[in-house]
Amino acid sequence: MRIYREDDNFKSNNQTGQFSFDNTYTRAGSASTADNTGLQAFAAFLLGYPSTMAIVRAADYSEYSKTWGFFAQDDFGSARN
């Protein structure tokens, strides 16, 4: 029997985040919601006004495997003299 286990996490991914930009802060009025060309979302990106933000947790993994094997050897027939 062989058991293999490996756990690891990556410290460099602790500071990642997800930002979404839309026309929430750049549309002309509260009644207008259409942004057909996406330019208002791009303007929000240039201004640095994301509509939603999320902090992504650090990437990690855990591997576990168990392997069973059977081995038999027959040397009785080769010992003839």
N, C-alpha and C. Protein backbone atom coordinates (compact mmCIF):
# COMPACT_ATOMS: atom_id res chain seq x y z
N MET A 1 0.85 -1.17 0.00
CA MET A 1 0.00 0.00 0.00
C MET A 1 0.90 1.24 0.00
N ARG A 2 0.49 2.21 -0.77
CA ARG A 2 1.21 3.48 -0.84
C ARG A 2 0.21 4.61 -0.71
N ILE A 3 0.48 5.54 0.19
CA ILE A 3 -0.38 6.71 0.38
C ILE A 3 0.44 7.95 0.03
N TYR A 4 -0.13 8.77 -0.83
CA TYR A 4 0.54 10.00 -1.25
C TYR A 4 -0.36 11.17 -0.88
N ARG A 5 0.18 12.15 -0.19
CA ARG A 5 -0.57 13.34 0.16
C ARG A 5 0.32 14.56 0.02
N GLU A 6 -0.24 15.62 -0.56
CA GLU A 6 0.49 16.87 -0.73
C GLU A 6 -0.48 18.03 -0.54
N ASP A 7 -0.14 18.96 0.30
CA ASP A 7 -0.92 20.17 0.55
C ASP A 7 -0.01 21.38 0.32
N ASP A 8 -0.56 22.39 -0.31
CA ASP A 8 0.24 23.59 -0.54
C ASP A 8 -0.69 24.78 -0.73
N ASN A 9 -0.19 25.95 -0.43
CA ASN A 9 -0.89 27.18 -0.74
C ASN A 9 0.13 28.17 -1.29
N PHE A 10 -0.37 29.12 -2.03
CA PHE A 10 0.49 30.05 -2.73
C PHE A 10 0.35 31.43 -2.09
N LYS A 11 1.40 31.90 -1.48
CA LYS A 11 1.38 33.18 -0.78
C LYS A 11 1.27 34.36 -1.73
N SER A 12 1.69 34.20 -2.96
CA SER A 12 1.69 35.34 -3.89
C SER A 12 0.29 35.72 -4.35
N ASN A 13 -0.71 34.84 -4.20
CA ASN A 13 -2.05 35.15 -4.67
C ASN A 13 -2.93 35.78 -3.60
N ASN A 14 -2.39 36.12 -2.44
CA ASN A 14 -3.20 36.69 -1.37
C ASN A 14 -3.72 38.08 -1.69
N GLN A 15 -3.13 38.78 -2.62
CA GLN A 15 -3.51 40.16 -2.88
C GLN A 15 -4.28 40.32 -4.17
N THR A 16 -4.89 39.28 -4.67
CA THR A 16 -5.66 39.39 -5.91
C THR A 16 -7.07 39.87 -5.61
N GLY A 17 -7.71 40.41 -6.59
CA GLY A 17 -9.08 40.88 -6.45
C GLY A 17 -9.78 40.89 -7.79
N GLN A 18 -11.09 41.00 -7.74
CA GLN A 18 -11.90 41.07 -8.96
C GLN A 18 -12.68 42.38 -8.93
N PHE A 19 -12.65 43.09 -10.02
CA PHE A 19 -13.34 44.35 -10.13
C PHE A 19 -14.23 44.32 -11.37
N SER A 20 -15.45 44.79 -11.24
CA SER A 20 -16.38 44.88 -12.37
C SER A 20 -16.71 46.34 -12.61
N PHE A 21 -16.70 46.71 -13.87
CA PHE A 21 -17.00 48.09 -14.25
C PHE A 21 -18.21 48.10 -15.16
N ASP A 22 -19.16 48.96 -14.87
CA ASP A 22 -20.30 49.17 -15.76
C ASP A 22 -20.65 50.66 -15.75
N ASN A 23 -21.83 50.99 -16.20
CA ASN A 23 -22.18 52.41 -16.34
C ASN A 23 -22.93 52.94 -15.11
N THR A 24 -22.72 52.35 -13.95
CA THR A 24 -23.41 52.81 -12.74
C THR A 24 -23.06 54.26 -12.41
N TYR A 25 -21.80 54.63 -12.53
CA TYR A 25 -21.36 55.97 -12.14
C TYR A 25 -21.14 56.91 -13.33
N THR A 26 -21.28 56.43 -14.54
CA THR A 26 -20.97 57.27 -15.70
C THR A 26 -22.15 57.50 -16.63
N ARG A 27 -23.32 57.00 -16.32
CA ARG A 27 -24.47 57.23 -17.20
C ARG A 27 -25.01 58.64 -16.99
N ALA A 28 -25.76 59.11 -17.97
CA ALA A 28 -26.21 60.50 -17.97
C ALA A 28 -27.21 60.77 -16.84
N GLY A 29 -28.13 59.88 -16.60
CA GLY A 29 -29.13 60.07 -15.55
C GLY A 29 -29.51 58.73 -14.95
N SER A 30 -30.30 58.77 -13.90
CA SER A 30 -30.68 57.51 -13.25
C SER A 30 -31.67 56.71 -14.08
N ALA A 31 -32.39 57.36 -15.02
CA ALA A 31 -33.36 56.64 -15.84
C ALA A 31 -32.70 55.95 -17.03
N SER A 32 -31.55 56.42 -17.48
CA SER A 32 -30.90 55.82 -18.65
C SER A 32 -29.97 54.70 -18.19
N THR A 33 -30.20 53.51 -18.71
CA THR A 33 -29.37 52.37 -18.32
C THR A 33 -28.66 51.73 -19.50
N ALA A 34 -28.92 52.20 -20.71
CA ALA A 34 -28.33 51.58 -21.90
C ALA A 34 -26.90 52.05 -22.10
N ASP A 35 -26.03 51.09 -22.35
CA ASP A 35 -24.63 51.37 -22.68
C ASP A 35 -24.28 50.45 -23.84
N ASN A 36 -24.77 50.78 -25.02
CA ASN A 36 -24.67 49.87 -26.17
C ASN A 36 -23.25 49.63 -26.62
N THR A 37 -22.39 50.62 -26.55
CA THR A 37 -21.03 50.45 -27.05
C THR A 37 -20.04 50.10 -25.96
N GLY A 38 -20.42 50.17 -24.70
CA GLY A 38 -19.51 49.85 -23.60
C GLY A 38 -18.57 50.98 -23.23
N LEU A 39 -18.76 52.14 -23.82
CA LEU A 39 -17.85 53.25 -23.54
C LEU A 39 -18.04 53.82 -22.15
N GLN A 40 -19.25 53.75 -21.61
CA GLN A 40 -19.46 54.24 -20.25
C GLN A 40 -18.77 53.33 -19.23
N ALA A 41 -18.77 52.03 -19.48
CA ALA A 41 -18.05 51.10 -18.61
C ALA A 41 -16.54 51.35 -18.71
N PHE A 42 -16.06 51.62 -19.89
CA PHE A 42 -14.64 51.94 -20.07
C PHE A 42 -14.28 53.25 -19.37
N ALA A 43 -15.19 54.22 -19.42
CA ALA A 43 -14.95 55.49 -18.72
C ALA A 43 -14.89 55.25 -17.21
N ALA A 44 -15.74 54.38 -16.68
CA ALA A 44 -15.70 54.05 -15.25
C ALA A 44 -14.37 53.38 -14.90
N PHE A 45 -13.86 52.54 -15.81
CA PHE A 45 -12.55 51.92 -15.60
C PHE A 45 -11.45 52.97 -15.55
N LEU A 46 -11.48 53.92 -16.48
CA LEU A 46 -10.45 54.96 -16.52
C LEU A 46 -10.52 55.87 -15.29
N LEU A 47 -11.72 56.10 -14.78
CA LEU A 47 -11.88 56.92 -13.59
C LEU A 47 -11.56 56.14 -12.30
N GLY A 48 -11.57 54.83 -12.38
CA GLY A 48 -11.30 54.01 -11.21
C GLY A 48 -12.51 53.81 -10.32
N TYR A 49 -13.70 53.75 -10.92
CA TYR A 49 -14.93 53.56 -10.17
C TYR A 49 -15.53 52.19 -10.48
N PRO A 50 -15.11 51.15 -9.80
CA PRO A 50 -15.73 49.84 -10.06
C PRO A 50 -17.12 49.77 -9.44
N SER A 51 -18.01 49.02 -10.08
CA SER A 51 -19.36 48.86 -9.54
C SER A 51 -19.39 47.76 -8.47
N THR A 52 -18.57 46.73 -8.63
CA THR A 52 -18.47 45.68 -7.61
C THR A 52 -17.00 45.31 -7.42
N MET A 53 -16.68 44.92 -6.21
CA MET A 53 -15.32 44.48 -5.89
C MET A 53 -15.40 43.22 -5.05
N ALA A 54 -14.41 42.34 -5.20
CA ALA A 54 -14.34 41.12 -4.39
C ALA A 54 -12.88 40.76 -4.18
N ILE A 55 -12.57 40.32 -2.99
CA ILE A 55 -11.22 39.85 -2.70
C ILE A 55 -11.23 38.34 -2.86
N VAL A 56 -10.34 37.86 -3.68
CA VAL A 56 -10.26 36.43 -3.95
C VAL A 56 -9.38 35.78 -2.91
N ARG A 57 -9.82 34.66 -2.38
CA ARG A 57 -8.99 33.98 -1.37
C ARG A 57 -7.78 33.35 -2.03
N ALA A 58 -6.81 33.04 -1.23
CA ALA A 58 -5.57 32.48 -1.74
C ALA A 58 -5.81 31.12 -2.38
N ALA A 59 -5.08 30.86 -3.44
CA ALA A 59 -5.18 29.58 -4.12
C ALA A 59 -4.44 28.52 -3.32
N ASP A 60 -5.09 27.39 -3.15
CA ASP A 60 -4.45 26.27 -2.45
C ASP A 60 -4.96 24.96 -3.05
N TYR A 61 -4.29 23.90 -2.72
CA TYR A 61 -4.74 22.60 -3.19
C TYR A 61 -4.34 21.52 -2.20
N SER A 62 -5.04 20.41 -2.30
CA SER A 62 -4.76 19.26 -1.46
C SER A 62 -4.93 18.01 -2.32
N GLU A 63 -3.90 17.22 -2.39
CA GLU A 63 -3.91 15.99 -3.19
C GLU A 63 -3.78 14.80 -2.26
N TYR A 64 -4.56 13.76 -2.51
CA TYR A 64 -4.49 12.56 -1.70
C TYR A 64 -4.80 11.36 -2.60
N SER A 65 -3.94 10.37 -2.57
CA SER A 65 -4.21 9.16 -3.34
C SER A 65 -3.69 7.95 -2.56
N LYS A 66 -4.41 6.86 -2.70
CA LYS A 66 -4.04 5.62 -2.05
C LYS A 66 -3.98 4.54 -3.12
N THR A 67 -2.87 3.83 -3.18
CA THR A 67 -2.66 2.80 -4.20
C THR A 67 -2.39 1.48 -3.51
N TRP A 68 -3.08 0.46 -3.99
CA TRP A 68 -2.87 -0.89 -3.48
C TRP A 68 -2.20 -1.72 -4.56
N GLY A 69 -1.32 -2.60 -4.16
CA GLY A 69 -0.66 -3.48 -5.12
C GLY A 69 -0.43 -4.85 -4.50
N PHE A 70 -0.28 -5.84 -5.37
CA PHE A 70 -0.01 -7.20 -4.91
C PHE A 70 1.12 -7.76 -5.76
N PHE A 71 2.05 -8.42 -5.13
CA PHE A 71 3.19 -8.98 -5.84
C PHE A 71 3.43 -10.38 -5.31
N ALA A 72 3.62 -11.31 -6.23
CA ALA A 72 3.96 -12.69 -5.85
C ALA A 72 5.08 -13.16 -6.77
N GLN A 73 6.01 -13.89 -6.24
CA GLN A 73 7.15 -14.36 -7.04
C GLN A 73 7.27 -15.86 -6.87
N ASP A 74 7.50 -16.56 -7.96
CA ASP A 74 7.65 -18.02 -7.94
C ASP A 74 9.02 -18.38 -8.48
N ASP A 75 9.93 -18.77 -7.60
CA ASP A 75 11.27 -19.19 -7.97
C ASP A 75 11.47 -20.69 -7.78
N PHE A 76 10.45 -21.44 -7.44
CA PHE A 76 10.61 -22.85 -7.13
C PHE A 76 10.98 -23.68 -8.38
N GLY A 77 10.48 -23.31 -9.54
CA GLY A 77 10.73 -24.11 -10.74
C GLY A 77 12.11 -23.89 -11.33
N SER A 78 12.82 -22.84 -11.01
CA SER A 78 14.11 -22.57 -11.62
C SER A 78 15.27 -23.15 -10.81
N ALA A 79 15.02 -23.83 -9.71
CA ALA A 79 16.09 -24.34 -8.84
C ALA A 79 16.39 -25.82 -9.13
N ARG A 80 16.19 -26.34 -10.32
CA ARG A 80 16.46 -27.74 -10.67
C ARG A 80 17.92 -27.94 -10.99
N ASN A 81 18.52 -28.99 -10.45
CA ASN A 81 19.92 -29.34 -10.76
C ASN A 81 20.02 -30.75 -11.21
